[in-house]
Amino acid sequence: MIRSKSKTVLITGASSGIGKASAEYFHKKGWNVAATMRAPDKAGDWLTLLALKRRSR
């Protein structure tokens, strides 16, 4: 098995509620977050903000 120091999590329903909160939580902890949602327009600007923060690391 190959071990990696980076961690990745898949969050479904990330445009609102517990899915959004979970995605934000793991992102703040330094995890790679793969987020899916049915209505990305509901997610607002936080998706753009997460992407920009991720690129700046």
PDB file of N, CA and C in Angstrom:
ATOM      1  N   MET A   1       0.831  -1.177   0.000  1.00  0.00           N
ATOM      2  CA  MET A   1       0.000   0.000   0.000  1.00  0.00           C
ATOM      3  C   MET A   1       0.880   1.246   0.000  1.00  0.00           C
ATOM      4  N   ILE A   2       0.500   2.224  -0.788  1.00  0.00           N
ATOM      5  CA  ILE A   2       1.222   3.495  -0.861  1.00  0.00           C
ATOM      6  C   ILE A   2       0.580   4.465   0.123  1.00  0.00           C
ATOM      7  N   ARG A   3       1.395   5.028   0.986  1.00  0.00           N
ATOM      8  CA  ARG A   3       0.887   6.000   1.967  1.00  0.00           C
ATOM      9  C   ARG A   3       1.168   7.416   1.470  1.00  0.00           C
ATOM     10  N   SER A   4       0.217   8.283   1.688  1.00  0.00           N
ATOM     11  CA  SER A   4       0.359   9.680   1.295  1.00  0.00           C
ATOM     12  C   SER A   4       0.091  10.563   2.504  1.00  0.00           C
ATOM     13  N   LYS A   5       0.809  11.660   2.591  1.00  0.00           N
ATOM     14  CA  LYS A   5       0.565  12.589   3.691  1.00  0.00           C
ATOM     15  C   LYS A   5      -0.653  13.464   3.437  1.00  0.00           C
ATOM     16  N   SER A   6      -1.035  13.614   2.179  1.00  0.00           N
ATOM     17  CA  SER A   6      -2.211  14.419   1.883  1.00  0.00           C
ATOM     18  C   SER A   6      -3.464  13.565   2.021  1.00  0.00           C
ATOM     19  N   LYS A   7      -4.531  14.180   2.445  1.00  0.00           N
ATOM     20  CA  LYS A   7      -5.790  13.478   2.631  1.00  0.00           C
ATOM     21  C   LYS A   7      -6.832  14.100   1.722  1.00  0.00           C
ATOM     22  N   THR A   8      -7.708  13.259   1.205  1.00  0.00           N
ATOM     23  CA  THR A   8      -8.758  13.716   0.312  1.00  0.00           C
ATOM     24  C   THR A   8     -10.093  13.199   0.808  1.00  0.00           C
ATOM     25  N   VAL A   9     -11.102  14.046   0.730  1.00  0.00           N
ATOM     26  CA  VAL A   9     -12.448  13.667   1.146  1.00  0.00           C
ATOM     27  C   VAL A   9     -13.420  14.031   0.023  1.00  0.00           C
ATOM     28  N   LEU A  10     -14.437  13.198  -0.175  1.00  0.00           N
ATOM     29  CA  LEU A  10     -15.490  13.459  -1.152  1.00  0.00           C
ATOM     30  C   LEU A  10     -16.742  13.843  -0.386  1.00  0.00           C
ATOM     31  N   ILE A  11     -17.254  15.026  -0.667  1.00  0.00           N
ATOM     32  CA  ILE A  11     -18.467  15.519  -0.012  1.00  0.00           C
ATOM     33  C   ILE A  11     -19.570  15.617  -1.058  1.00  0.00           C
ATOM     34  N   THR A  12     -20.717  15.003  -0.778  1.00  0.00           N
ATOM     35  CA  THR A  12     -21.877  15.138  -1.660  1.00  0.00           C
ATOM     36  C   THR A  12     -22.854  16.123  -1.019  1.00  0.00           C
ATOM     37  N   GLY A  13     -23.617  16.801  -1.844  1.00  0.00           N
ATOM     38  CA  GLY A  13     -24.569  17.782  -1.323  1.00  0.00           C
ATOM     39  C   GLY A  13     -23.877  18.992  -0.730  1.00  0.00           C
ATOM     40  N   ALA A  14     -22.797  19.436  -1.357  1.00  0.00           N
ATOM     41  CA  ALA A  14     -21.953  20.483  -0.782  1.00  0.00           C
ATOM     42  C   ALA A  14     -22.438  21.906  -1.033  1.00  0.00           C
ATOM     43  N   SER A  15     -23.594  22.085  -1.639  1.00  0.00           N
ATOM     44  CA  SER A  15     -24.049  23.457  -1.907  1.00  0.00           C
ATOM     45  C   SER A  15     -24.736  24.089  -0.710  1.00  0.00           C
ATOM     46  N   SER A  16     -25.151  23.265   0.267  1.00  0.00           N
ATOM     47  CA  SER A  16     -25.823  23.836   1.436  1.00  0.00           C
ATOM     48  C   SER A  16     -25.823  22.848   2.591  1.00  0.00           C
ATOM     49  N   GLY A  17     -26.233  23.325   3.736  1.00  0.00           N
ATOM     50  CA  GLY A  17     -26.420  22.474   4.906  1.00  0.00           C
ATOM     51  C   GLY A  17     -25.165  21.794   5.400  1.00  0.00           C
ATOM     52  N   ILE A  18     -25.340  20.553   5.850  1.00  0.00           N
ATOM     53  CA  ILE A  18     -24.228  19.815   6.443  1.00  0.00           C
ATOM     54  C   ILE A  18     -23.147  19.485   5.416  1.00  0.00           C
ATOM     55  N   GLY A  19     -23.542  19.319   4.151  1.00  0.00           N
ATOM     56  CA  GLY A  19     -22.544  19.072   3.109  1.00  0.00           C
ATOM     57  C   GLY A  19     -21.617  20.256   2.931  1.00  0.00           C
ATOM     58  N   LYS A  20     -22.195  21.449   2.918  1.00  0.00           N
ATOM     59  CA  LYS A  20     -21.397  22.673   2.778  1.00  0.00           C
ATOM     60  C   LYS A  20     -20.503  22.869   4.002  1.00  0.00           C
ATOM     61  N   ALA A  21     -21.080  22.665   5.171  1.00  0.00           N
ATOM     62  CA  ALA A  21     -20.310  22.821   6.407  1.00  0.00           C
ATOM     63  C   ALA A  21     -19.160  21.812   6.462  1.00  0.00           C
ATOM     64  N   SER A  22     -19.420  20.604   6.017  1.00  0.00           N
ATOM     65  CA  SER A  22     -18.375  19.575   6.014  1.00  0.00           C
ATOM     66  C   SER A  22     -17.255  19.931   5.050  1.00  0.00           C
ATOM     67  N   ALA A  23     -17.627  20.397   3.860  1.00  0.00           N
ATOM     68  CA  ALA A  23     -16.617  20.782   2.874  1.00  0.00           C
ATOM     69  C   ALA A  23     -15.747  21.918   3.405  1.00  0.00           C
ATOM     70  N   GLU A  24     -16.375  22.910   4.033  1.00  0.00           N
ATOM     71  CA  GLU A  24     -15.619  24.027   4.587  1.00  0.00           C
ATOM     72  C   GLU A  24     -14.714  23.557   5.732  1.00  0.00           C
ATOM     73  N   TYR A  25     -15.213  22.677   6.575  1.00  0.00           N
ATOM     74  CA  TYR A  25     -14.439  22.158   7.707  1.00  0.00           C
ATOM     75  C   TYR A  25     -13.186  21.439   7.228  1.00  0.00           C
ATOM     76  N   PHE A  26     -13.353  20.490   6.310  1.00  0.00           N
ATOM     77  CA  PHE A  26     -12.200  19.731   5.846  1.00  0.00           C
ATOM     78  C   PHE A  26     -11.212  20.610   5.083  1.00  0.00           C
ATOM     79  N   HIS A  27     -11.729  21.582   4.347  1.00  0.00           N
ATOM     80  CA  HIS A  27     -10.840  22.501   3.633  1.00  0.00           C
ATOM     81  C   HIS A  27      -9.974  23.284   4.625  1.00  0.00           C
ATOM     82  N   LYS A  28     -10.592  23.766   5.697  1.00  0.00           N
ATOM     83  CA  LYS A  28      -9.845  24.523   6.712  1.00  0.00           C
ATOM     84  C   LYS A  28      -8.803  23.666   7.410  1.00  0.00           C
ATOM     85  N   LYS A  29      -9.050  22.370   7.494  1.00  0.00           N
ATOM     86  CA  LYS A  29      -8.101  21.445   8.117  1.00  0.00           C
ATOM     87  C   LYS A  29      -6.985  21.031   7.170  1.00  0.00           C
ATOM     88  N   GLY A  30      -7.038  21.521   5.909  1.00  0.00           N
ATOM     89  CA  GLY A  30      -5.966  21.249   4.964  1.00  0.00           C
ATOM     90  C   GLY A  30      -6.185  20.039   4.065  1.00  0.00           C
ATOM     91  N   TRP A  31      -7.359  19.456   4.105  1.00  0.00           N
ATOM     92  CA  TRP A  31      -7.666  18.309   3.255  1.00  0.00           C
ATOM     93  C   TRP A  31      -7.955  18.769   1.830  1.00  0.00           C
ATOM     94  N   ASN A  32      -7.742  17.886   0.866  1.00  0.00           N
ATOM     95  CA  ASN A  32      -8.213  18.098  -0.495  1.00  0.00           C
ATOM     96  C   ASN A  32      -9.695  17.745  -0.495  1.00  0.00           C
ATOM     97  N   VAL A  33     -10.525  18.644  -0.986  1.00  0.00           N
ATOM     98  CA  VAL A  33     -11.966  18.425  -0.956  1.00  0.00           C
ATOM     99  C   VAL A  33     -12.501  18.297  -2.376  1.00  0.00           C
ATOM    100  N   ALA A  34     -13.142  17.170  -2.645  1.00  0.00           N
ATOM    101  CA  ALA A  34     -13.875  16.979  -3.894  1.00  0.00           C
ATOM    102  C   ALA A  34     -15.344  17.116  -3.520  1.00  0.00           C
ATOM    103  N   ALA A  35     -15.983  18.153  -4.046  1.00  0.00           N
ATOM    104  CA  ALA A  35     -17.368  18.443  -3.659  1.00  0.00           C
ATOM    105  C   ALA A  35     -18.303  18.275  -4.850  1.00  0.00           C
ATOM    106  N   THR A  36     -19.411  17.602  -4.609  1.00  0.00           N
ATOM    107  CA  THR A  36     -20.438  17.452  -5.643  1.00  0.00           C
ATOM    108  C   THR A  36     -21.737  18.059  -5.138  1.00  0.00           C
ATOM    109  N   MET A  37     -22.555  18.487  -6.087  1.00  0.00           N
ATOM    110  CA  MET A  37     -23.850  19.060  -5.728  1.00  0.00           C
ATOM    111  C   MET A  37     -24.765  19.082  -6.936  1.00  0.00           C
ATOM    112  N   ARG A  38     -26.052  19.089  -6.691  1.00  0.00           N
ATOM    113  CA  ARG A  38     -27.020  19.152  -7.782  1.00  0.00           C
ATOM    114  C   ARG A  38     -27.234  20.581  -8.265  1.00  0.00           C
ATOM    115  N   ALA A  39     -27.067  21.549  -7.373  1.00  0.00           N
ATOM    116  CA  ALA A  39     -27.346  22.947  -7.718  1.00  0.00           C
ATOM    117  C   ALA A  39     -26.152  23.833  -7.368  1.00  0.00           C
ATOM    118  N   PRO A  40     -25.115  23.835  -8.222  1.00  0.00           N
ATOM    119  CA  PRO A  40     -23.931  24.640  -7.895  1.00  0.00           C
ATOM    120  C   PRO A  40     -24.225  26.133  -7.792  1.00  0.00           C
ATOM    121  N   ASP A  41     -25.281  26.607  -8.456  1.00  0.00           N
ATOM    122  CA  ASP A  41     -25.623  28.028  -8.358  1.00  0.00           C
ATOM    123  C   ASP A  41     -26.059  28.394  -6.938  1.00  0.00           C
ATOM    124  N   LYS A  42     -26.527  27.435  -6.152  1.00  0.00           N
ATOM    125  CA  LYS A  42     -26.907  27.694  -4.766  1.00  0.00           C
ATOM    126  C   LYS A  42     -25.696  27.824  -3.850  1.00  0.00           C
ATOM    127  N   ALA A  43     -24.557  27.316  -4.283  1.00  0.00           N
ATOM    128  CA  ALA A  43     -23.370  27.316  -3.429  1.00  0.00           C
ATOM    129  C   ALA A  43     -22.817  28.716  -3.220  1.00  0.00           C
ATOM    130  N   GLY A  44     -23.090  29.601  -4.152  1.00  0.00           N
ATOM    131  CA  GLY A  44     -22.612  30.968  -4.000  1.00  0.00           C
ATOM    132  C   GLY A  44     -21.124  31.108  -4.234  1.00  0.00           C
ATOM    133  N   ASP A  45     -20.557  32.119  -3.652  1.00  0.00           N
ATOM    134  CA  ASP A  45     -19.151  32.454  -3.879  1.00  0.00           C
ATOM    135  C   ASP A  45     -18.175  31.603  -3.081  1.00  0.00           C
ATOM    136  N   TRP A  46     -18.645  30.809  -2.150  1.00  0.00           N
ATOM    137  CA  TRP A  46     -17.699  30.059  -1.327  1.00  0.00           C
ATOM    138  C   TRP A  46     -16.913  29.049  -2.136  1.00  0.00           C
ATOM    139  N   LEU A  47     -17.484  28.512  -3.219  1.00  0.00           N
ATOM    140  CA  LEU A  47     -16.728  27.584  -4.071  1.00  0.00           C
ATOM    141  C   LEU A  47     -15.553  28.279  -4.737  1.00  0.00           C
ATOM    142  N   THR A  48     -15.769  29.476  -5.229  1.00  0.00           N
ATOM    143  CA  THR A  48     -14.698  30.249  -5.845  1.00  0.00           C
ATOM    144  C   THR A  48     -13.634  30.571  -4.806  1.00  0.00           C
ATOM    145  N   LEU A  49     -14.062  30.944  -3.623  1.00  0.00           N
ATOM    146  CA  LEU A  49     -13.132  31.271  -2.545  1.00  0.00           C
ATOM    147  C   LEU A  49     -12.277  30.064  -2.181  1.00  0.00           C
ATOM    148  N   LEU A  50     -12.885  28.885  -2.070  1.00  0.00           N
ATOM    149  CA  LEU A  50     -12.121  27.684  -1.761  1.00  0.00           C
ATOM    150  C   LEU A  50     -11.108  27.377  -2.851  1.00  0.00           C
ATOM    151  N   ALA A  51     -11.510  27.525  -4.094  1.00  0.00           N
ATOM    152  CA  ALA A  51     -10.598  27.247  -5.208  1.00  0.00           C
ATOM    153  C   ALA A  51      -9.416  28.213  -5.190  1.00  0.00           C
ATOM    154  N   LEU A  52      -9.670  29.480  -4.937  1.00  0.00           N
ATOM    155  CA  LEU A  52      -8.590  30.463  -4.901  1.00  0.00           C
ATOM    156  C   LEU A  52      -7.640  30.206  -3.736  1.00  0.00           C
ATOM    157  N   LYS A  53      -8.180  29.846  -2.576  1.00  0.00           N
ATOM    158  CA  LYS A  53      -7.334  29.557  -1.424  1.00  0.00           C
ATOM    159  C   LYS A  53      -6.484  28.331  -1.686  1.00  0.00           C
ATOM    160  N   ARG A  54      -7.059  27.352  -2.363  1.00  0.00           N
ATOM    161  CA  ARG A  54      -6.343  26.110  -2.651  1.00  0.00           C
ATOM    162  C   ARG A  54      -5.160  26.372  -3.575  1.00  0.00           C
ATOM    163  N   ARG A  55      -5.363  27.216  -4.577  1.00  0.00           N
ATOM    164  CA  ARG A  55      -4.294  27.532  -5.527  1.00  0.00           C
ATOM    165  C   ARG A  55      -3.147  28.283  -4.873  1.00  0.00           C
ATOM    166  N   SER A  56      -3.449  29.059  -3.847  1.00  0.00           N
ATOM    167  CA  SER A  56      -2.422  29.898  -3.220  1.00  0.00           C
ATOM    168  C   SER A  56      -1.509  29.114  -2.282  1.00  0.00           C
ATOM    169  N   ARG A  57      -1.812  27.866  -2.013  1.00  0.00           N
ATOM    170  CA  ARG A  57      -0.965  27.060  -1.096  1.00  0.00           C
ATOM    171  C   ARG A  57       0.310  26.664  -1.742  1.00  0.00           C
TER     172      ARG A  57
END
